[in-house]
Amino acid sequence: MKRNKKIYNFEDFDYTPIEDVALIDSEGAVIKTWIRSFDLENPFLEGKPGGKKKFRASASFKNGFGRNISTDYFSKNTYKELRKHLRKGRPIEVLAEVYQEPAKGDIFMNELKILKYRSGDSSISQLQASRKEIELVKRFLILIYSEDNQKSRWGLLHAIREAIIEELKIVGIEMDELYSDSLDTMICQAFSGGIVNNTNGKINTCIVGPPATGKKLLWETAKFINPISQEAQNMRVTPAGITAGMSKNLPLGTIPLASKGVFGIQDFDKCKKSEELLPIFADVMEDKKVIISGVVKAELDAETAIHIDLNRFSDLYLKAGYSKNVTEDTGLPTNIISRFDFIVELKKDLNLLDAKAQQILLSKSSQDQDRKSEIGIFCSKNGVEVDRFLKLIVGYVMDEIDKVNIKPVQKYMASKFSEIKQENKENIDKMPEIASFQIRLANSLMKFVNALTRIQMLQDSNKDAVDKALHLLSRKLDFLKNIDEDYVVPNYRATGFEAFQGWLAAKYGSGEFAPVNAIKEYRDEGSRCGEKSDRALRYWIKKSAHKIRHGVWKVQPAVLKKYGKAISYVRV
């Protein structure tokens, strides 16, 4: 076959699915394709005895239907580089020329001659995003952060929240601050990654709660937004199934397949092999790798977030005594609990569940409901599915902001984090299990800060990212009180009406303000007192301030007196 001497660039092509290579009838066509799984054929030397030998190696790309697409011979250097990717379980993408190889008689099979290759493990590569899709993402991000539109620094976070709530039909979010924070965390999980203090930078999540508290919707959120997601069935999952087989004929497991994304198991309490799975999770959460031993020994890349949800045994079997010991009641040892960056327990609040049920009964059916979220409207206008578009946003941002610079906020993070020790300095020696969590809590804080910096479309972290990260991390600190009831959680999360009054007093003092601007400022600072509707915020303003003239208000003197000093989380 003649060598194609023309220079090609990956950026000039859209992806051709590997499954479609067999459909190409134009010999000499150049394509870009993404390959999740491939095998290298045994190399050999070709030539006459005693003469110069030529190195020969080729590969077969698996197309997902049990068929292989073969390649032409390539160089020794290409063989070595592809072998590195294969050993790490990494996907690749190639620019290749299609040629037709005779099979039998007048039958020809399409094969590929590799022109260029590179790693295909980025989020955008795994999504096989087209150039048109990337341009749509860029247009939307410009719209979100355009100064003309006065979007907040948390504009992307709010837009994604609204779209998820709308598409997954999540109700009662304004009435449930814990669930609201859990939803924000699932969004942060998608924007986490890289390496944080030599550990896996992905945010790992664990949701504990009785049936009918919304655990499933949080997992659906993770799948809805993460570019890559894999799930294992709780009763059938095995260690080999989530890692990889011990011979080259067995496929990669679900955890390395979910690298750059999330792997999840629902109702983990029903897993028959949970004790064998937890050490595997620990390696992934700590070192972002899957270790294979046996006939084939390998360390596979697994920059994968781990998500599980489970019930307490006491909730399932009405054994109230179990609830005194969270490790026995959940089956999670403390060394695993410490590795989850976000772990919360959703409570069965009958009043809250009843209010949510009322919302479901009074809401419009999905057939009658037009999309009202910013992302929903944008997707409808541009003919793209919302879940696909959310994945594209995440993939684009993760590729554009691969590394985050936390140096500008390191001292601020350290000072805020030290409040945990200060609050517990009298009892810290009596809480060895809690004390051992400190290093991992610090890592968790940095993971959240990285994710929240990316969500703001920034390279350098700011104090707003730290404040919101501490707000979300405090939910895990609350859970640690289940391990030791004497544990004191710093006031990282002031929420509700009184917190809002403090924010309003610190923000405007005795000066004048417009409610519409106050609401915009509140959202711009991350809704730090809780996610509330505009109507609820207007009601809070009405209870905390008085009207001077049309559109102009002042904080009430009694509120200013009560909150004469800004509470700790407010920065003016």
Protein backbone atom coordinates (compact mmCIF):
# COMPACT_ATOMS: atom_id res chain seq x y z
CA MET A 1 0.00 0.00 0.00
CA LYS A 2 1.35 3.48 -0.91
CA ARG A 3 2.14 5.74 2.01
CA ASN A 4 -0.10 8.81 2.42
CA LYS A 5 2.34 11.73 2.74
CA LYS A 6 -0.21 14.44 3.39
CA ILE A 7 -0.16 15.98 6.90
CA TYR A 8 -3.41 15.62 8.84
CA ASN A 9 -4.48 17.11 12.19
CA PHE A 10 -6.93 15.61 14.68
CA GLU A 11 -8.72 18.95 15.00
CA ASP A 12 -9.72 18.90 11.33
CA PHE A 13 -11.92 15.82 11.65
CA ASP A 14 -15.09 14.76 13.41
CA TYR A 15 -15.18 11.28 14.89
CA THR A 16 -16.20 8.27 12.84
CA PRO A 17 -17.46 5.52 15.19
CA ILE A 18 -15.28 2.43 14.93
CA GLU A 19 -18.51 0.48 14.26
CA ASP A 20 -18.95 2.47 11.02
CA VAL A 21 -15.54 1.67 9.51
CA ALA A 22 -16.99 -1.39 7.79
CA LEU A 23 -19.60 0.85 6.09
CA ILE A 24 -17.06 3.10 4.33
CA ASP A 25 -16.97 2.30 0.62
CA SER A 26 -14.37 4.88 -0.39
CA GLU A 27 -10.84 3.47 -0.32
CA GLY A 28 -8.28 6.06 0.76
CA ALA A 29 -10.72 7.96 3.01
CA VAL A 30 -9.04 9.43 6.12
CA ILE A 31 -10.99 9.20 9.37
CA LYS A 32 -10.60 10.00 13.05
CA THR A 33 -11.86 7.24 15.31
CA TRP A 34 -11.85 6.50 19.06
CA ILE A 35 -11.01 3.02 20.29
CA ARG A 36 -11.90 1.86 23.78
CA SER A 37 -10.54 -1.67 23.39
CA PHE A 38 -7.82 -3.11 21.19
CA ASP A 39 -5.29 -5.95 21.00
CA LEU A 40 -1.74 -5.92 19.69
CA GLU A 41 -0.81 -8.85 17.52
CA ASN A 42 2.50 -10.62 18.26
CA PRO A 43 5.25 -8.73 16.41
CA PHE A 44 7.71 -10.55 14.16
CA LEU A 45 10.68 -9.92 11.89
CA GLU A 46 10.35 -10.41 8.14
CA GLY A 47 13.23 -10.98 5.74
CA LYS A 48 15.56 -13.49 4.22
CA PRO A 49 17.91 -15.65 6.34
CA GLY A 50 21.14 -13.78 6.99
CA GLY A 51 19.71 -10.61 5.48
CA LYS A 52 18.21 -7.43 6.95
CA LYS A 53 14.95 -8.01 8.76
CA LYS A 54 11.96 -5.67 8.85
CA PHE A 55 9.94 -5.28 12.07
CA ARG A 56 6.26 -6.12 11.64
CA ALA A 57 3.47 -5.35 14.13
CA SER A 58 -0.25 -4.72 13.79
CA ALA A 59 -3.34 -4.27 15.94
CA SER A 60 -6.99 -5.16 15.91
CA PHE A 61 -9.54 -2.60 17.07
CA LYS A 62 -12.69 -3.97 18.67
CA ASN A 63 -15.88 -2.44 17.34
CA GLY A 64 -18.29 -3.34 20.14
CA PHE A 65 -20.12 -6.04 18.20
CA GLY A 66 -17.61 -8.84 18.67
CA ARG A 67 -15.85 -7.94 15.40
CA ASN A 68 -12.32 -6.68 14.91
CA ILE A 69 -10.99 -4.05 12.51
CA SER A 70 -7.42 -4.92 11.56
CA THR A 71 -4.62 -2.46 10.87
CA ASP A 72 -1.74 -2.41 8.45
CA TYR A 73 1.78 -2.97 9.81
CA PHE A 74 3.29 -0.11 11.79
CA SER A 75 6.70 0.82 13.25
CA LYS A 76 8.41 -0.48 16.37
CA ASN A 77 8.00 2.93 18.09
CA THR A 78 4.27 2.90 17.38
CA TYR A 79 4.09 -0.63 18.77
CA LYS A 80 5.86 0.42 22.00
CA GLU A 81 3.63 3.46 22.52
CA LEU A 82 0.41 1.55 21.86
CA ARG A 83 1.61 -1.16 24.25
CA LYS A 84 1.91 1.46 27.03
CA HIS A 85 -1.69 2.53 26.50
CA LEU A 86 -2.86 -1.08 26.39
CA ARG A 87 -1.11 -1.97 29.65
CA LYS A 88 -2.75 0.99 31.43
CA GLY A 89 -6.17 0.22 29.97
CA ARG A 90 -6.28 3.60 28.23
CA PRO A 91 -8.40 4.24 25.14
CA ILE A 92 -6.73 5.74 22.09
CA GLU A 93 -7.81 7.81 19.14
CA VAL A 94 -6.25 7.53 15.71
CA LEU A 95 -6.19 9.22 12.37
CA ALA A 96 -6.22 6.41 9.85
CA GLU A 97 -6.57 5.79 6.15
CA VAL A 98 -9.12 3.21 5.06
CA TYR A 99 -7.92 0.58 2.65
CA GLN A 100 -9.60 -2.55 1.32
CA GLU A 101 -7.97 -5.90 1.87
CA PRO A 102 -9.05 -8.90 -0.26
CA ALA A 103 -10.73 -11.64 1.79
CA LYS A 104 -12.27 -14.33 -0.41
CA GLY A 105 -12.80 -14.07 -4.14
CA ASP A 106 -14.44 -10.72 -4.81
CA ILE A 107 -15.01 -9.96 -1.11
CA PHE A 108 -13.01 -7.11 0.50
CA MET A 109 -12.69 -6.08 4.14
CA ASN A 110 -11.98 -2.53 5.26
CA GLU A 111 -8.79 -2.19 7.29
CA LEU A 112 -6.93 0.83 8.67
CA LYS A 113 -3.47 2.28 8.15
CA ILE A 114 -2.57 4.37 11.21
CA LEU A 115 -1.35 7.87 10.29
CA LYS A 116 -1.37 9.39 13.79
CA TYR A 117 -2.39 8.27 17.26
CA ARG A 118 -2.74 9.76 20.74
CA SER A 119 -4.33 9.02 24.09
CA GLY A 120 -8.12 9.02 23.97
CA ASP A 121 -8.78 9.25 27.71
CA SER A 122 -9.86 12.90 27.85
CA SER A 123 -13.54 13.53 28.56
CA ILE A 124 -14.18 15.12 25.18
CA SER A 125 -12.44 12.25 23.38
CA GLN A 126 -14.54 9.68 25.20
CA LEU A 127 -17.68 11.60 24.26
CA GLN A 128 -16.46 11.70 20.64
CA ALA A 129 -17.72 15.28 20.49
CA SER A 130 -18.16 16.87 17.08
CA ARG A 131 -16.80 20.31 16.20
CA LYS A 132 -20.38 21.60 16.02
CA GLU A 133 -21.11 20.36 19.53
CA ILE A 134 -17.98 22.05 20.89
CA GLU A 135 -19.03 25.33 19.29
CA LEU A 136 -22.46 25.03 20.93
CA VAL A 137 -20.82 24.59 24.34
CA LYS A 138 -18.63 27.64 23.77
CA ARG A 139 -21.65 29.71 22.76
CA PHE A 140 -23.55 28.69 25.88
CA LEU A 141 -20.65 29.43 28.24
CA ILE A 142 -20.24 32.88 26.68
CA LEU A 143 -23.97 33.41 27.24
CA ILE A 144 -23.72 32.31 30.88
CA TYR A 145 -20.73 34.47 31.75
CA SER A 146 -21.39 37.43 29.48
CA GLU A 147 -21.11 40.76 31.34
CA ASP A 148 -24.02 42.07 29.29
CA ASN A 149 -26.24 39.39 30.76
CA GLN A 150 -24.86 40.02 34.27
CA LYS A 151 -24.55 36.33 35.03
CA SER A 152 -23.15 35.39 38.43
CA ARG A 153 -19.92 33.57 39.07
CA TRP A 154 -22.08 30.59 39.96
CA GLY A 155 -24.15 30.96 36.80
CA LEU A 156 -23.05 27.60 35.39
CA LEU A 157 -23.76 25.78 38.64
CA HIS A 158 -27.28 27.23 38.83
CA ALA A 159 -27.95 26.52 35.16
CA ILE A 160 -26.91 22.88 35.55
CA ARG A 161 -28.96 22.52 38.76
CA GLU A 162 -32.08 23.89 37.07
CA ALA A 163 -31.66 21.58 34.09
CA ILE A 164 -31.18 18.48 36.26
CA ILE A 165 -34.15 19.34 38.48
CA GLU A 166 -36.29 19.89 35.40
CA GLU A 167 -35.20 16.82 33.45
CA LEU A 168 -35.19 14.35 36.36
CA LYS A 169 -38.39 15.81 37.88
CA ILE A 170 -36.78 16.40 41.29
CA VAL A 171 -39.32 17.98 43.67
CA GLY A 172 -39.08 19.72 47.02
CA ILE A 173 -35.47 20.82 46.60
CA GLU A 174 -36.17 24.20 48.23
CA MET A 175 -37.57 22.51 51.32
CA ASP A 176 -34.61 20.17 51.83
CA GLU A 177 -31.25 21.88 52.32
CA LEU A 178 -29.39 18.61 52.85
CA TYR A 179 -30.68 17.21 49.56
CA SER A 180 -29.89 20.50 47.83
CA ASP A 181 -26.29 20.27 49.03
CA SER A 182 -26.16 16.63 47.93
CA LEU A 183 -27.28 17.65 44.44
CA ASP A 184 -24.59 20.36 44.29
CA THR A 185 -22.03 17.75 45.33
CA MET A 186 -23.02 15.41 42.51
CA ILE A 187 -22.42 18.31 40.11
CA CYS A 188 -19.05 19.03 41.74
CA GLN A 189 -18.17 15.36 41.40
CA ALA A 190 -18.40 15.63 37.60
CA PHE A 191 -16.03 18.65 37.60
CA SER A 192 -13.47 16.99 39.90
CA GLY A 193 -10.39 15.13 38.74
CA GLY A 194 -6.66 15.14 38.28
CA ILE A 195 -4.30 14.62 41.20
CA VAL A 196 -4.79 16.23 44.62
CA ASN A 197 -1.94 15.81 47.08
CA ASN A 198 -0.81 12.65 45.24
CA THR A 199 -4.28 11.08 45.44
CA ASN A 200 -7.18 10.61 43.03
CA GLY A 201 -8.74 14.04 42.53
CA LYS A 202 -12.25 12.69 41.88
CA ILE A 203 -14.88 13.35 44.57
CA ASN A 204 -16.18 10.08 46.06
CA THR A 205 -19.72 10.06 47.43
CA CYS A 206 -21.76 7.86 49.76
CA ILE A 207 -25.46 8.44 50.40
CA VAL A 208 -27.02 6.66 53.39
CA GLY A 209 -30.75 6.68 53.88
CA PRO A 210 -33.93 4.64 54.17
CA PRO A 211 -36.01 3.80 51.10
CA ALA A 212 -37.93 6.61 49.35
CA THR A 213 -35.59 9.42 50.39
CA GLY A 214 -34.22 10.19 46.90
CA LYS A 215 -30.96 8.22 46.84
CA LYS A 216 -31.68 6.91 43.35
CA LEU A 217 -32.15 10.41 41.92
CA LEU A 218 -28.71 11.43 43.12
CA TRP A 219 -27.19 8.48 41.26
CA GLU A 220 -29.31 9.37 38.22
CA THR A 221 -27.85 12.89 38.49
CA ALA A 222 -24.32 11.47 38.44
CA LYS A 223 -25.07 9.43 35.30
CA PHE A 224 -26.90 12.38 33.72
CA ILE A 225 -23.96 14.77 33.93
CA ASN A 226 -20.73 12.71 33.98
CA PRO A 227 -19.21 12.17 30.52
CA ILE A 228 -18.53 8.54 31.45
CA SER A 229 -20.49 6.38 33.90
CA GLN A 230 -20.60 2.69 34.70
CA GLU A 231 -22.87 0.82 37.10
CA ALA A 232 -22.72 -2.62 38.70
CA GLN A 233 -25.71 -4.60 39.90
CA ASN A 234 -25.47 -5.07 43.67
CA MET A 235 -26.37 -8.78 43.82
CA ARG A 236 -24.18 -9.87 40.89
CA VAL A 237 -21.09 -7.66 41.11
CA THR A 238 -17.72 -9.42 41.47
CA PRO A 239 -14.15 -8.15 41.97
CA ALA A 240 -13.15 -9.38 38.49
CA GLY A 241 -16.19 -7.68 36.97
CA ILE A 242 -15.23 -4.23 38.30
CA THR A 243 -11.47 -4.53 37.67
CA ALA A 244 -10.52 -6.73 34.71
CA GLY A 245 -10.05 -10.32 33.75
CA MET A 246 -6.78 -12.13 34.31
CA SER A 247 -6.15 -12.91 30.66
CA LYS A 248 -6.12 -10.74 27.57
CA ASN A 249 -9.30 -12.37 26.32
CA LEU A 250 -11.36 -10.93 29.17
CA PRO A 251 -12.50 -7.29 28.93
CA LEU A 252 -11.72 -4.33 31.16
CA GLY A 253 -13.85 -4.06 34.27
CA THR A 254 -16.37 -1.34 34.93
CA ILE A 255 -14.13 0.82 37.15
CA PRO A 256 -11.31 1.36 34.58
CA LEU A 257 -13.97 1.73 31.88
CA ALA A 258 -15.37 4.64 33.93
CA SER A 259 -12.02 6.46 34.19
CA LYS A 260 -12.59 10.25 33.98
CA GLY A 261 -16.16 9.60 35.13
CA VAL A 262 -18.08 7.79 37.85
CA PHE A 263 -18.73 4.21 38.89
CA GLY A 264 -21.71 3.44 41.09
CA ILE A 265 -23.56 0.71 42.96
CA GLN A 266 -27.03 1.29 44.31
CA ASP A 267 -28.20 -0.43 47.51
CA PHE A 268 -24.65 -1.43 48.37
CA ASP A 269 -25.92 -3.02 51.58
CA LYS A 270 -27.25 -5.88 49.41
CA CYS A 271 -23.81 -6.70 47.94
CA LYS A 272 -22.81 -10.26 48.76
CA LYS A 273 -19.12 -9.54 48.18
CA SER A 274 -18.88 -6.10 49.79
CA GLU A 275 -15.85 -7.09 51.89
CA GLU A 276 -13.94 -7.99 48.70
CA LEU A 277 -15.05 -4.83 46.88
CA LEU A 278 -14.16 -2.26 49.56
CA PRO A 279 -10.35 -2.74 49.30
CA ILE A 280 -10.63 -2.26 45.53
CA PHE A 281 -12.57 0.96 46.09
CA ALA A 282 -9.86 2.09 48.55
CA ASP A 283 -7.11 1.68 45.91
CA VAL A 284 -9.13 3.63 43.36
CA MET A 285 -10.10 6.43 45.76
CA GLU A 286 -6.54 6.77 47.04
CA ASP A 287 -4.27 5.94 44.09
CA LYS A 288 -6.60 6.17 41.05
CA LYS A 289 -5.61 2.75 39.82
CA VAL A 290 -6.86 -0.82 39.65
CA ILE A 291 -4.31 -3.49 40.48
CA ILE A 292 -4.62 -6.82 38.63
CA SER A 293 -2.76 -9.90 39.81
CA GLY A 294 -2.75 -13.45 38.53
CA VAL A 295 -1.76 -14.75 35.10
CA VAL A 296 -1.64 -11.14 33.87
CA LYS A 297 -0.28 -8.48 36.24
CA ALA A 298 -1.18 -4.86 35.54
CA GLU A 299 -2.00 -1.49 37.05
CA LEU A 300 -4.85 0.07 35.10
CA ASP A 301 -5.68 3.77 35.07
CA ALA A 302 -8.82 4.47 37.09
CA GLU A 303 -9.33 8.20 37.59
CA THR A 304 -12.81 7.21 38.63
CA ALA A 305 -15.20 8.62 41.21
CA ILE A 306 -16.82 5.99 43.41
CA HIS A 307 -20.49 6.45 44.31
CA ILE A 308 -22.51 4.12 46.49
CA ASP A 309 -25.82 4.42 48.27
CA LEU A 310 -27.10 2.13 50.96
CA ASN A 311 -29.64 1.61 53.71
CA ARG A 312 -28.87 1.18 57.37
CA PHE A 313 -29.61 -2.38 58.45
CA SER A 314 -31.74 -0.92 61.24
CA ASP A 315 -33.92 0.84 58.65
CA LEU A 316 -34.41 -2.35 56.65
CA TYR A 317 -35.01 -4.74 59.53
CA LEU A 318 -36.31 -2.36 62.21
CA LYS A 319 -33.45 -3.20 64.57
CA ALA A 320 -33.11 0.11 66.34
CA GLY A 321 -30.12 -1.05 68.39
CA TYR A 322 -27.88 -1.12 65.34
CA SER A 323 -28.23 2.62 64.91
CA LYS A 324 -25.91 3.16 67.90
CA ASN A 325 -22.91 2.07 65.81
CA VAL A 326 -22.74 3.50 62.31
CA THR A 327 -20.02 1.13 61.08
CA GLU A 328 -21.99 -1.97 62.06
CA ASP A 329 -25.27 -0.47 60.91
CA THR A 330 -23.92 0.34 57.43
CA GLY A 331 -21.20 -2.29 57.03
CA LEU A 332 -18.68 0.47 56.26
CA PRO A 333 -15.45 0.45 58.31
CA THR A 334 -13.97 3.81 59.32
CA ASN A 335 -11.04 3.51 56.88
CA ILE A 336 -13.60 3.46 54.04
CA ILE A 337 -15.82 6.18 55.51
CA SER A 338 -12.77 8.44 55.74
CA ARG A 339 -12.09 8.02 52.01
CA PHE A 340 -15.53 9.23 50.94
CA ASP A 341 -15.24 12.97 50.39
CA PHE A 342 -18.97 13.43 50.86
CA ILE A 343 -21.05 11.13 53.03
CA VAL A 344 -24.50 12.08 54.29
CA GLU A 345 -27.55 10.44 55.76
CA LEU A 346 -30.92 11.36 54.31
CA LYS A 347 -33.59 11.20 56.99
CA LYS A 348 -37.15 9.98 56.55
CA ASP A 349 -38.96 13.20 57.47
CA LEU A 350 -42.65 12.42 57.08
CA ASN A 351 -43.69 16.08 56.80
CA LEU A 352 -41.07 16.69 54.10
CA LEU A 353 -42.02 13.54 52.20
CA ASP A 354 -45.68 14.51 52.34
CA ALA A 355 -44.90 18.00 50.99
CA LYS A 356 -42.88 16.45 48.14
CA ALA A 357 -45.74 14.06 47.38
CA GLN A 358 -48.11 17.02 47.15
CA GLN A 359 -45.77 18.71 44.66
CA ILE A 360 -45.70 15.56 42.53
CA LEU A 361 -49.50 15.34 42.51
CA LEU A 362 -49.91 19.02 41.61
CA SER A 363 -47.15 19.20 38.99
CA LYS A 364 -47.85 19.09 35.29
CA SER A 365 -47.33 15.85 33.41
CA SER A 366 -44.13 15.55 31.39
CA GLN A 367 -46.17 15.73 28.17
CA ASP A 368 -47.61 19.12 29.13
CA GLN A 369 -44.42 20.63 30.48
CA ASP A 370 -42.28 22.90 28.30
CA ARG A 371 -38.64 23.31 29.18
CA LYS A 372 -38.04 26.44 31.22
CA SER A 373 -34.45 26.00 32.40
CA GLU A 374 -31.78 27.99 30.61
CA ILE A 375 -30.04 24.85 29.38
CA GLY A 376 -33.35 23.21 28.46
CA ILE A 377 -34.38 26.18 26.29
CA PHE A 378 -30.92 26.37 24.67
CA CYS A 379 -30.97 22.64 23.87
CA SER A 380 -34.48 22.81 22.42
CA LYS A 381 -33.47 25.67 20.12
CA ASN A 382 -30.33 23.89 18.93
CA GLY A 383 -31.67 20.36 18.60
CA VAL A 384 -29.47 18.64 21.20
CA GLU A 385 -30.47 16.37 24.08
CA VAL A 386 -30.05 17.93 27.54
CA ASP A 387 -28.11 15.01 29.04
CA ARG A 388 -25.73 14.96 26.07
CA PHE A 389 -25.21 18.72 26.36
CA LEU A 390 -24.49 18.54 30.11
CA LYS A 391 -21.86 15.87 29.48
CA LEU A 392 -20.34 18.04 26.75
CA ILE A 393 -20.15 21.04 29.09
CA VAL A 394 -18.36 18.97 31.73
CA GLY A 395 -16.02 17.41 29.18
CA TYR A 396 -15.13 20.76 27.63
CA VAL A 397 -14.47 22.46 30.98
CA MET A 398 -12.39 19.54 32.27
CA ASP A 399 -10.23 19.61 29.15
CA GLU A 400 -9.85 23.41 29.15
CA ILE A 401 -9.04 23.64 32.89
CA ASP A 402 -7.03 20.50 33.43
CA LYS A 403 -5.06 21.88 36.38
CA VAL A 404 -6.29 24.34 39.00
CA ASN A 405 -3.99 26.72 40.86
CA ILE A 406 -4.95 26.73 44.57
CA LYS A 407 -1.97 28.82 45.72
CA PRO A 408 -4.00 32.06 45.96
CA VAL A 409 -6.22 30.50 48.66
CA GLN A 410 -3.88 28.12 50.49
CA LYS A 411 -3.52 30.33 53.58
CA TYR A 412 -7.26 31.00 53.66
CA MET A 413 -8.02 27.28 53.36
CA ALA A 414 -5.57 26.47 56.14
CA SER A 415 -7.02 29.09 58.49
CA LYS A 416 -10.61 27.96 57.90
CA PHE A 417 -9.68 24.28 58.14
CA SER A 418 -7.91 24.86 61.46
CA GLU A 419 -11.30 25.73 62.97
CA ILE A 420 -12.05 21.98 63.09
CA LYS A 421 -9.13 21.41 65.45
CA GLN A 422 -9.93 24.54 67.45
CA GLU A 423 -13.51 23.45 68.03
CA ASN A 424 -12.37 20.00 69.19
CA LYS A 425 -9.07 20.82 70.93
CA GLU A 426 -10.33 19.71 74.36
CA ASN A 427 -11.52 16.29 73.16
CA ILE A 428 -9.31 15.51 70.15
CA ASP A 429 -7.12 13.07 72.12
CA LYS A 430 -10.23 11.15 73.13
CA MET A 431 -11.39 10.76 69.51
CA PRO A 432 -8.65 8.73 67.74
CA GLU A 433 -10.97 7.62 64.91
CA ILE A 434 -11.94 11.23 64.14
CA ALA A 435 -8.38 12.55 64.48
CA SER A 436 -7.19 10.11 61.82
CA PHE A 437 -9.63 11.68 59.35
CA GLN A 438 -7.85 15.06 59.25
CA ILE A 439 -5.49 14.41 56.31
CA ARG A 440 -8.27 13.00 54.16
CA LEU A 441 -10.59 15.85 55.12
CA ALA A 442 -7.92 18.28 53.89
CA ASN A 443 -7.67 16.35 50.61
CA SER A 444 -11.46 16.42 50.28
CA LEU A 445 -11.47 20.19 50.78
CA MET A 446 -8.95 20.63 47.96
CA LYS A 447 -10.97 18.37 45.65
CA PHE A 448 -14.08 20.49 46.20
CA VAL A 449 -12.12 23.72 45.74
CA ASN A 450 -10.70 22.44 42.44
CA ALA A 451 -14.15 21.45 41.17
CA LEU A 452 -15.80 24.71 42.25
CA THR A 453 -13.00 26.71 40.62
CA ARG A 454 -13.61 24.92 37.32
CA ILE A 455 -17.36 25.50 37.61
CA GLN A 456 -16.59 29.24 37.74
CA MET A 457 -14.49 28.78 34.58
CA LEU A 458 -11.39 29.91 36.44
CA GLN A 459 -7.82 28.62 36.58
CA ASP A 460 -6.97 30.27 39.91
CA SER A 461 -9.03 29.40 42.99
CA ASN A 462 -10.79 32.12 44.97
CA LYS A 463 -12.27 32.41 48.45
CA ASP A 464 -15.78 31.87 47.10
CA ALA A 465 -14.75 28.37 46.02
CA VAL A 466 -13.29 27.70 49.47
CA ASP A 467 -16.40 28.94 51.29
CA LYS A 468 -18.73 26.82 49.19
CA ALA A 469 -16.40 23.83 49.49
CA LEU A 470 -16.45 24.09 53.29
CA HIS A 471 -20.23 24.41 53.20
CA LEU A 472 -20.51 21.10 51.31
CA LEU A 473 -17.73 19.38 53.28
CA SER A 474 -19.51 20.26 56.54
CA ARG A 475 -22.15 17.68 55.61
CA LYS A 476 -19.51 14.97 56.00
CA LEU A 477 -18.46 16.51 59.31
CA ASP A 478 -22.07 16.24 60.45
CA PHE A 479 -22.03 12.54 59.58
CA LEU A 480 -18.87 12.01 61.66
CA LYS A 481 -20.90 12.82 64.75
CA ASN A 482 -22.37 9.34 64.24
CA ILE A 483 -18.90 7.99 65.07
CA ASP A 484 -18.33 10.26 68.05
CA GLU A 485 -21.19 12.36 69.39
CA ASP A 486 -18.73 14.75 71.09
CA TYR A 487 -17.37 15.87 67.72
CA VAL A 488 -18.03 19.59 67.15
CA VAL A 489 -18.61 20.90 63.62
CA PRO A 490 -17.52 24.51 62.93
CA ASN A 491 -20.13 26.91 61.61
CA TYR A 492 -19.19 26.51 57.94
CA ARG A 493 -22.83 26.35 56.95
CA ALA A 494 -25.16 29.06 58.27
CA THR A 495 -28.51 28.62 56.54
CA GLY A 496 -32.11 29.70 56.84
CA PHE A 497 -33.90 32.97 57.49
CA GLU A 498 -31.71 34.20 60.36
CA ALA A 499 -28.56 33.50 58.36
CA PHE A 500 -30.05 35.48 55.48
CA GLN A 501 -30.78 38.40 57.78
CA GLY A 502 -27.13 38.35 58.86
CA TRP A 503 -26.01 38.28 55.25
CA LEU A 504 -28.32 41.19 54.35
CA ALA A 505 -27.13 43.28 57.32
CA ALA A 506 -23.46 42.62 56.55
CA LYS A 507 -23.96 43.29 52.85
CA TYR A 508 -25.85 46.57 52.95
CA GLY A 509 -25.61 47.88 56.51
CA SER A 510 -27.64 51.09 56.83
CA GLY A 511 -27.40 51.82 53.11
CA GLU A 512 -30.11 51.55 50.46
CA PHE A 513 -30.52 48.59 48.13
CA ALA A 514 -32.83 47.27 45.45
CA PRO A 515 -34.36 43.82 46.23
CA VAL A 516 -33.82 42.64 42.65
CA ASN A 517 -30.11 43.44 42.96
CA ALA A 518 -29.93 41.86 46.43
CA ILE A 519 -31.32 38.60 45.06
CA LYS A 520 -28.83 38.71 42.20
CA GLU A 521 -25.95 39.35 44.63
CA TYR A 522 -27.16 36.52 46.85
CA ARG A 523 -27.11 34.07 43.96
CA ASP A 524 -23.79 35.50 42.77
CA GLU A 525 -22.25 34.56 46.13
CA GLY A 526 -23.47 30.98 45.85
CA SER A 527 -26.80 31.13 47.74
CA ARG A 528 -24.81 30.57 50.91
CA CYS A 529 -27.83 30.61 53.22
CA GLY A 530 -29.68 27.99 51.21
CA GLU A 531 -31.24 27.59 47.77
CA LYS A 532 -34.51 29.50 47.74
CA SER A 533 -36.86 30.71 45.02
CA ASP A 534 -36.97 34.40 44.10
CA ARG A 535 -40.40 34.54 45.73
CA ALA A 536 -39.04 33.16 49.02
CA LEU A 537 -36.11 35.59 48.97
CA ARG A 538 -38.44 38.54 48.36
CA TYR A 539 -40.49 37.42 51.37
CA TRP A 540 -37.32 37.24 53.52
CA ILE A 541 -36.34 40.74 52.37
CA LYS A 542 -39.81 42.02 53.23
CA LYS A 543 -39.44 40.59 56.76
CA SER A 544 -35.95 42.06 57.22
CA ALA A 545 -36.14 45.49 55.56
CA HIS A 546 -38.55 48.35 54.95
CA LYS A 547 -39.39 50.17 51.76
CA ILE A 548 -38.05 53.74 51.32
CA ARG A 549 -39.52 54.37 47.89
CA HIS A 550 -40.33 52.39 44.78
CA GLY A 551 -37.63 49.76 44.27
CA VAL A 552 -35.47 51.02 47.15
CA TRP A 553 -35.28 49.37 50.60
CA LYS A 554 -33.25 49.60 53.83
CA VAL A 555 -32.44 46.93 56.40
CA GLN A 556 -34.56 47.33 59.55
CA PRO A 557 -32.73 48.88 62.55
CA ALA A 558 -33.61 45.87 64.72
CA VAL A 559 -31.91 43.56 62.23
CA LEU A 560 -28.85 45.80 62.06
CA LYS A 561 -28.65 45.83 65.84
CA LYS A 562 -28.96 42.05 66.05
CA TYR A 563 -26.32 41.50 63.39
CA GLY A 564 -24.07 44.45 64.11
CA LYS A 565 -21.02 42.35 63.29
CA ALA A 566 -20.85 40.25 60.16
CA ILE A 567 -21.10 36.56 60.94
CA SER A 568 -18.02 34.52 60.15
CA TYR A 569 -18.97 33.24 56.71
CA VAL A 570 -19.84 36.66 55.28
CA ARG A 571 -17.20 38.59 53.36
CA VAL A 572 -18.10 42.10 52.28
